[in-house]
């Protein structure tokens, strides 16, 4: 719900970088988890990164593709 407006406001590349940071931090939290609730928090953080990336990356790829190659 917020990936589209975020990418419109700050741009596609910074939004993709934010999703990468969420991926990395979620993986770090899951790696260092000592109980189930912390593991679930890590999965939530990673899921936010996946959700943002799955919304923004296809739009970014379509924008950087040359006009003659667009479908």
PDB file of N, CA and C in Angstrom:
ATOM      1  N   UNK A   1       0.821  -1.198   0.000  1.00  0.00           N
ATOM      2  CA  UNK A   1       0.000   0.000   0.000  1.00  0.00           C
ATOM      3  C   UNK A   1       0.863   1.261   0.000  1.00  0.00           C
ATOM      4  N   UNK A   2       2.068   1.172   0.504  1.00  0.00           N
ATOM      5  CA  UNK A   2       2.877   2.376   0.559  1.00  0.00           C
ATOM      6  C   UNK A   2       4.061   2.346  -0.398  1.00  0.00           C
ATOM      7  N   UNK A   3       4.285   1.252  -1.120  1.00  0.00           N
ATOM      8  CA  UNK A   3       5.429   1.175  -2.030  1.00  0.00           C
ATOM      9  C   UNK A   3       5.245   2.106  -3.226  1.00  0.00           C
ATOM     10  N   UNK A   4       4.043   2.155  -3.763  1.00  0.00           N
ATOM     11  CA  UNK A   4       3.786   3.030  -4.914  1.00  0.00           C
ATOM     12  C   UNK A   4       3.943   4.502  -4.579  1.00  0.00           C
ATOM     13  N   UNK A   5       3.248   4.999  -3.555  1.00  0.00           N
ATOM     14  CA  UNK A   5       3.420   6.406  -3.195  1.00  0.00           C
ATOM     15  C   UNK A   5       4.853   6.741  -2.766  1.00  0.00           C
ATOM     16  N   UNK A   6       5.514   5.798  -2.105  1.00  0.00           N
ATOM     17  CA  UNK A   6       6.901   6.035  -1.700  1.00  0.00           C
ATOM     18  C   UNK A   6       7.800   6.164  -2.917  1.00  0.00           C
ATOM     19  N   UNK A   7       7.611   5.303  -3.912  1.00  0.00           N
ATOM     20  CA  UNK A   7       8.445   5.387  -5.108  1.00  0.00           C
ATOM     21  C   UNK A   7       8.125   6.629  -5.932  1.00  0.00           C
ATOM     22  N   UNK A   8       6.885   7.089  -5.892  1.00  0.00           N
ATOM     23  CA  UNK A   8       6.544   8.335  -6.585  1.00  0.00           C
ATOM     24  C   UNK A   8       7.162   9.539  -5.890  1.00  0.00           C
ATOM     25  N   UNK A   9       7.229   9.484  -4.569  1.00  0.00           N
ATOM     26  CA  UNK A   9       7.725  10.622  -3.808  1.00  0.00           C
ATOM     27  C   UNK A   9       9.252  10.724  -3.839  1.00  0.00           C
ATOM     28  N   UNK A  10       9.955   9.603  -3.587  1.00  0.00           N
ATOM     29  CA  UNK A  10      11.414   9.692  -3.477  1.00  0.00           C
ATOM     30  C   UNK A  10      12.153   9.086  -4.665  1.00  0.00           C
ATOM     31  N   UNK A  11      11.447   8.405  -5.560  1.00  0.00           N
ATOM     32  CA  UNK A  11      12.077   7.826  -6.739  1.00  0.00           C
ATOM     33  C   UNK A  11      12.173   6.315  -6.649  1.00  0.00           C
ATOM     34  N   UNK A  12      12.391   5.694  -7.802  1.00  0.00           N
ATOM     35  CA  UNK A  12      12.431   4.232  -7.865  1.00  0.00           C
ATOM     36  C   UNK A  12      13.701   3.668  -7.246  1.00  0.00           C
ATOM     37  N   UNK A  13      14.862   4.237  -7.618  1.00  0.00           N
ATOM     38  CA  UNK A  13      16.123   3.706  -7.104  1.00  0.00           C
ATOM     39  C   UNK A  13      16.228   3.793  -5.583  1.00  0.00           C
ATOM     40  N   UNK A  14      15.930   4.929  -4.964  1.00  0.00           N
ATOM     41  CA  UNK A  14      15.981   4.954  -3.497  1.00  0.00           C
ATOM     42  C   UNK A  14      15.003   3.981  -2.840  1.00  0.00           C
ATOM     43  N   UNK A  15      13.850   3.773  -3.458  1.00  0.00           N
ATOM     44  CA  UNK A  15      12.889   2.819  -2.908  1.00  0.00           C
ATOM     45  C   UNK A  15      13.428   1.399  -3.002  1.00  0.00           C
ATOM     46  N   UNK A  16      14.092   1.071  -4.102  1.00  0.00           N
ATOM     47  CA  UNK A  16      14.711  -0.246  -4.238  1.00  0.00           C
ATOM     48  C   UNK A  16      15.829  -0.412  -3.220  1.00  0.00           C
ATOM     49  N   UNK A  17      16.585   0.640  -2.960  1.00  0.00           N
ATOM     50  CA  UNK A  17      17.644   0.577  -1.949  1.00  0.00           C
ATOM     51  C   UNK A  17      17.040   0.351  -0.559  1.00  0.00           C
ATOM     52  N   UNK A  18      15.913   0.998  -0.275  1.00  0.00           N
ATOM     53  CA  UNK A  18      15.232   0.780   1.003  1.00  0.00           C
ATOM     54  C   UNK A  18      14.786  -0.673   1.128  1.00  0.00           C
ATOM     55  N   UNK A  19      14.258  -1.242   0.043  1.00  0.00           N
ATOM     56  CA  UNK A  19      13.842  -2.642   0.104  1.00  0.00           C
ATOM     57  C   UNK A  19      15.047  -3.563   0.304  1.00  0.00           C
ATOM     58  N   UNK A  20      16.196  -3.218  -0.296  1.00  0.00           N
ATOM     59  CA  UNK A  20      17.413  -4.005  -0.070  1.00  0.00           C
ATOM     60  C   UNK A  20      17.857  -3.935   1.389  1.00  0.00           C
ATOM     61  N   UNK A  21      17.746  -2.769   1.978  1.00  0.00           N
ATOM     62  CA  UNK A  21      18.109  -2.617   3.393  1.00  0.00           C
ATOM     63  C   UNK A  21      17.168  -3.448   4.262  1.00  0.00           C
ATOM     64  N   UNK A  22      15.882  -3.460   3.907  1.00  0.00           N
ATOM     65  CA  UNK A  22      14.927  -4.274   4.656  1.00  0.00           C
ATOM     66  C   UNK A  22      15.237  -5.768   4.514  1.00  0.00           C
ATOM     67  N   UNK A  23      15.602  -6.201   3.290  1.00  0.00           N
ATOM     68  CA  UNK A  23      16.010  -7.598   3.097  1.00  0.00           C
ATOM     69  C   UNK A  23      17.163  -7.957   4.027  1.00  0.00           C
ATOM     70  N   UNK A  24      18.201  -7.127   3.987  1.00  0.00           N
ATOM     71  CA  UNK A  24      19.416  -7.415   4.744  1.00  0.00           C
ATOM     72  C   UNK A  24      19.170  -7.384   6.248  1.00  0.00           C
ATOM     73  N   UNK A  25      18.451  -6.372   6.707  1.00  0.00           N
ATOM     74  CA  UNK A  25      18.210  -6.282   8.145  1.00  0.00           C
ATOM     75  C   UNK A  25      17.281  -7.406   8.618  1.00  0.00           C
ATOM     76  N   UNK A  26      16.303  -7.776   7.818  1.00  0.00           N
ATOM     77  CA  UNK A  26      15.431  -8.890   8.181  1.00  0.00           C
ATOM     78  C   UNK A  26      16.195 -10.201   8.250  1.00  0.00           C
ATOM     79  N   UNK A  27      17.118 -10.404   7.307  1.00  0.00           N
ATOM     80  CA  UNK A  27      17.930 -11.616   7.338  1.00  0.00           C
ATOM     81  C   UNK A  27      18.838 -11.627   8.566  1.00  0.00           C
ATOM     82  N   UNK A  28      19.374 -10.463   8.922  1.00  0.00           N
ATOM     83  CA  UNK A  28      20.233 -10.392  10.110  1.00  0.00           C
ATOM     84  C   UNK A  28      19.443 -10.682  11.379  1.00  0.00           C
ATOM     85  N   UNK A  29      18.218 -10.153  11.457  1.00  0.00           N
ATOM     86  CA  UNK A  29      17.383 -10.416  12.631  1.00  0.00           C
ATOM     87  C   UNK A  29      17.037 -11.900  12.709  1.00  0.00           C
ATOM     88  N   UNK A  30      16.706 -12.509  11.569  1.00  0.00           N
ATOM     89  CA  UNK A  30      16.387 -13.933  11.587  1.00  0.00           C
ATOM     90  C   UNK A  30      17.606 -14.778  11.944  1.00  0.00           C
ATOM     91  N   UNK A  31      18.774 -14.364  11.486  1.00  0.00           N
ATOM     92  CA  UNK A  31      19.993 -15.108  11.800  1.00  0.00           C
ATOM     93  C   UNK A  31      20.296 -15.056  13.292  1.00  0.00           C
ATOM     94  N   UNK A  32      20.101 -13.906  13.891  1.00  0.00           N
ATOM     95  CA  UNK A  32      20.420 -13.752  15.300  1.00  0.00           C
ATOM     96  C   UNK A  32      19.255 -13.978  16.238  1.00  0.00           C
ATOM     97  N   UNK A  33      18.179 -14.546  15.727  1.00  0.00           N
ATOM     98  CA  UNK A  33      16.998 -14.719  16.587  1.00  0.00           C
ATOM     99  C   UNK A  33      17.248 -15.793  17.639  1.00  0.00           C
ATOM    100  N   UNK A  34      16.736 -15.537  18.813  1.00  0.00           N
ATOM    101  CA  UNK A  34      16.913 -16.462  19.917  1.00  0.00           C
ATOM    102  C   UNK A  34      15.593 -17.096  20.347  1.00  0.00           C
ATOM    103  N   UNK A  35      14.480 -16.623  19.782  1.00  0.00           N
ATOM    104  CA  UNK A  35      13.189 -17.249  20.059  1.00  0.00           C
ATOM    105  C   UNK A  35      12.239 -16.990  18.890  1.00  0.00           C
ATOM    106  N   UNK A  36      11.081 -17.583  18.961  1.00  0.00           N
ATOM    107  CA  UNK A  36      10.128 -17.524  17.849  1.00  0.00           C
ATOM    108  C   UNK A  36       9.612 -16.109  17.571  1.00  0.00           C
ATOM    109  N   UNK A  37       9.262 -15.289  18.567  1.00  0.00           N
ATOM    110  CA  UNK A  37       8.785 -13.933  18.252  1.00  0.00           C
ATOM    111  C   UNK A  37       9.820 -13.083  17.508  1.00  0.00           C
ATOM    112  N   UNK A  38      11.079 -13.216  17.858  1.00  0.00           N
ATOM    113  CA  UNK A  38      12.121 -12.451  17.153  1.00  0.00           C
ATOM    114  C   UNK A  38      12.252 -12.956  15.719  1.00  0.00           C
ATOM    115  N   UNK A  39      12.133 -14.260  15.523  1.00  0.00           N
ATOM    116  CA  UNK A  39      12.169 -14.824  14.179  1.00  0.00           C
ATOM    117  C   UNK A  39      11.008 -14.284  13.340  1.00  0.00           C
ATOM    118  N   UNK A  40       9.835 -14.166  13.940  1.00  0.00           N
ATOM    119  CA  UNK A  40       8.673 -13.642  13.231  1.00  0.00           C
ATOM    120  C   UNK A  40       8.855 -12.158  12.882  1.00  0.00           C
ATOM    121  N   UNK A  41       9.490 -11.406  13.758  1.00  0.00           N
ATOM    122  CA  UNK A  41       9.779 -10.001  13.458  1.00  0.00           C
ATOM    123  C   UNK A  41      10.721  -9.908  12.263  1.00  0.00           C
ATOM    124  N   UNK A  42      11.730 -10.770  12.239  1.00  0.00           N
ATOM    125  CA  UNK A  42      12.646 -10.803  11.097  1.00  0.00           C
ATOM    126  C   UNK A  42      11.932 -11.167   9.811  1.00  0.00           C
ATOM    127  N   UNK A  43      11.005 -12.102   9.905  1.00  0.00           N
ATOM    128  CA  UNK A  43      10.232 -12.476   8.711  1.00  0.00           C
ATOM    129  C   UNK A  43       9.323 -11.342   8.251  1.00  0.00           C
ATOM    130  N   UNK A  44       8.785 -10.583   9.196  1.00  0.00           N
ATOM    131  CA  UNK A  44       7.955  -9.428   8.857  1.00  0.00           C
ATOM    132  C   UNK A  44       8.782  -8.364   8.126  1.00  0.00           C
ATOM    133  N   UNK A  45       9.960  -8.093   8.648  1.00  0.00           N
ATOM    134  CA  UNK A  45      10.841  -7.102   8.015  1.00  0.00           C
ATOM    135  C   UNK A  45      11.226  -7.550   6.608  1.00  0.00           C
ATOM    136  N   UNK A  46      11.588  -8.819   6.464  1.00  0.00           N
ATOM    137  CA  UNK A  46      11.950  -9.351   5.152  1.00  0.00           C
ATOM    138  C   UNK A  46      10.749  -9.325   4.209  1.00  0.00           C
ATOM    139  N   UNK A  47       9.577  -9.621   4.715  1.00  0.00           N
ATOM    140  CA  UNK A  47       8.371  -9.580   3.892  1.00  0.00           C
ATOM    141  C   UNK A  47       8.055  -8.185   3.389  1.00  0.00           C
ATOM    142  N   UNK A  48       8.308  -7.181   4.217  1.00  0.00           N
ATOM    143  CA  UNK A  48       8.125  -5.800   3.746  1.00  0.00           C
ATOM    144  C   UNK A  48       9.077  -5.490   2.596  1.00  0.00           C
ATOM    145  N   UNK A  49      10.318  -5.947   2.721  1.00  0.00           N
ATOM    146  CA  UNK A  49      11.288  -5.742   1.639  1.00  0.00           C
ATOM    147  C   UNK A  49      10.864  -6.435   0.363  1.00  0.00           C
ATOM    148  N   UNK A  50      10.351  -7.643   0.484  1.00  0.00           N
ATOM    149  CA  UNK A  50       9.885  -8.387  -0.691  1.00  0.00           C
ATOM    150  C   UNK A  50       8.689  -7.683  -1.321  1.00  0.00           C
ATOM    151  N   UNK A  51       7.773  -7.214  -0.488  1.00  0.00           N
ATOM    152  CA  UNK A  51       6.595  -6.525  -1.014  1.00  0.00           C
ATOM    153  C   UNK A  51       6.944  -5.250  -1.755  1.00  0.00           C
ATOM    154  N   UNK A  52       7.839  -4.480  -1.192  1.00  0.00           N
ATOM    155  CA  UNK A  52       8.259  -3.241  -1.854  1.00  0.00           C
ATOM    156  C   UNK A  52       8.967  -3.547  -3.160  1.00  0.00           C
ATOM    157  N   UNK A  53       9.889  -4.509  -3.134  1.00  0.00           N
ATOM    158  CA  UNK A  53      10.639  -4.839  -4.341  1.00  0.00           C
ATOM    159  C   UNK A  53       9.730  -5.385  -5.433  1.00  0.00           C
ATOM    160  N   UNK A  54       8.761  -6.203  -5.073  1.00  0.00           N
ATOM    161  CA  UNK A  54       7.887  -6.775  -6.096  1.00  0.00           C
ATOM    162  C   UNK A  54       6.961  -5.738  -6.717  1.00  0.00           C
ATOM    163  N   UNK A  55       6.760  -4.619  -6.041  1.00  0.00           N
ATOM    164  CA  UNK A  55       5.951  -3.544  -6.618  1.00  0.00           C
ATOM    165  C   UNK A  55       6.787  -2.598  -7.476  1.00  0.00           C
ATOM    166  N   UNK A  56       8.008  -2.309  -7.045  1.00  0.00           N
ATOM    167  CA  UNK A  56       8.773  -1.225  -7.654  1.00  0.00           C
ATOM    168  C   UNK A  56       9.709  -1.705  -8.762  1.00  0.00           C
ATOM    169  N   UNK A  57      10.315  -2.869  -8.608  1.00  0.00           N
ATOM    170  CA  UNK A  57      11.319  -3.323  -9.577  1.00  0.00           C
ATOM    171  C   UNK A  57      10.740  -3.510 -10.983  1.00  0.00           C
ATOM    172  N   UNK A  58       9.560  -4.119 -11.181  1.00  0.00           N
ATOM    173  CA  UNK A  58       9.038  -4.211 -12.551  1.00  0.00           C
ATOM    174  C   UNK A  58       8.786  -2.847 -13.198  1.00  0.00           C
ATOM    175  N   UNK A  59       8.336  -1.889 -12.415  1.00  0.00           N
ATOM    176  CA  UNK A  59       8.118  -0.539 -12.948  1.00  0.00           C
ATOM    177  C   UNK A  59       9.449   0.092 -13.333  1.00  0.00           C
ATOM    178  N   UNK A  60      10.452  -0.085 -12.486  1.00  0.00           N
ATOM    179  CA  UNK A  60      11.779   0.474 -12.775  1.00  0.00           C
ATOM    180  C   UNK A  60      12.372  -0.161 -14.031  1.00  0.00           C
ATOM    181  N   UNK A  61      12.245  -1.467 -14.161  1.00  0.00           N
ATOM    182  CA  UNK A  61      12.780  -2.147 -15.345  1.00  0.00           C
ATOM    183  C   UNK A  61      12.075  -1.661 -16.604  1.00  0.00           C
ATOM    184  N   UNK A  62      10.764  -1.470 -16.537  1.00  0.00           N
ATOM    185  CA  UNK A  62      10.038  -0.989 -17.717  1.00  0.00           C
ATOM    186  C   UNK A  62      10.402   0.446 -18.057  1.00  0.00           C
ATOM    187  N   UNK A  63      10.795   1.230 -17.065  1.00  0.00           N
ATOM    188  CA  UNK A  63      11.167   2.616 -17.336  1.00  0.00           C
ATOM    189  C   UNK A  63      12.568   2.731 -17.938  1.00  0.00           C
ATOM    190  N   UNK A  64      13.475   1.835 -17.567  1.00  0.00           N
ATOM    191  CA  UNK A  64      14.838   1.957 -18.095  1.00  0.00           C
ATOM    192  C   UNK A  64      15.031   1.221 -19.409  1.00  0.00           C
ATOM    193  N   UNK A  65      14.044   0.418 -19.819  1.00  0.00           N
ATOM    194  CA  UNK A  65      14.122  -0.313 -21.081  1.00  0.00           C
ATOM    195  C   UNK A  65      14.012   0.664 -22.243  1.00  0.00           C
ATOM    196  N   UNK A  66      14.843   0.479 -23.274  1.00  0.00           N
ATOM    197  CA  UNK A  66      14.733   1.381 -24.448  1.00  0.00           C
ATOM    198  C   UNK A  66      13.345   1.277 -25.095  1.00  0.00           C
ATOM    199  N   UNK A  67      12.922   2.381 -25.698  1.00  0.00           N
ATOM    200  CA  UNK A  67      11.567   2.470 -26.263  1.00  0.00           C
ATOM    201  C   UNK A  67      11.343   1.409 -27.321  1.00  0.00           C
ATOM    202  N   UNK A  68      12.342   1.131 -28.150  1.00  0.00           N
ATOM    203  CA  UNK A  68      12.141   0.169 -29.243  1.00  0.00           C
ATOM    204  C   UNK A  68      12.046  -1.279 -28.752  1.00  0.00           C
ATOM    205  N   UNK A  69      12.412  -1.542 -27.507  1.00  0.00           N
ATOM    206  CA  UNK A  69      12.326  -2.901 -26.968  1.00  0.00           C
ATOM    207  C   UNK A  69      11.116  -3.112 -26.067  1.00  0.00           C
ATOM    208  N   UNK A  70      10.366  -2.062 -25.811  1.00  0.00           N
ATOM    209  CA  UNK A  70       9.197  -2.202 -24.934  1.00  0.00           C
ATOM    210  C   UNK A  70       8.110  -2.965 -25.634  1.00  0.00           C
ATOM    211  N   UNK A  71       7.404  -3.810 -24.864  1.00  0.00           N
ATOM    212  CA  UNK A  71       6.352  -4.656 -25.441  1.00  0.00           C
ATOM    213  C   UNK A  71       5.042  -4.007 -25.394  1.00  0.00           C
TER     214      UNK A  71
END
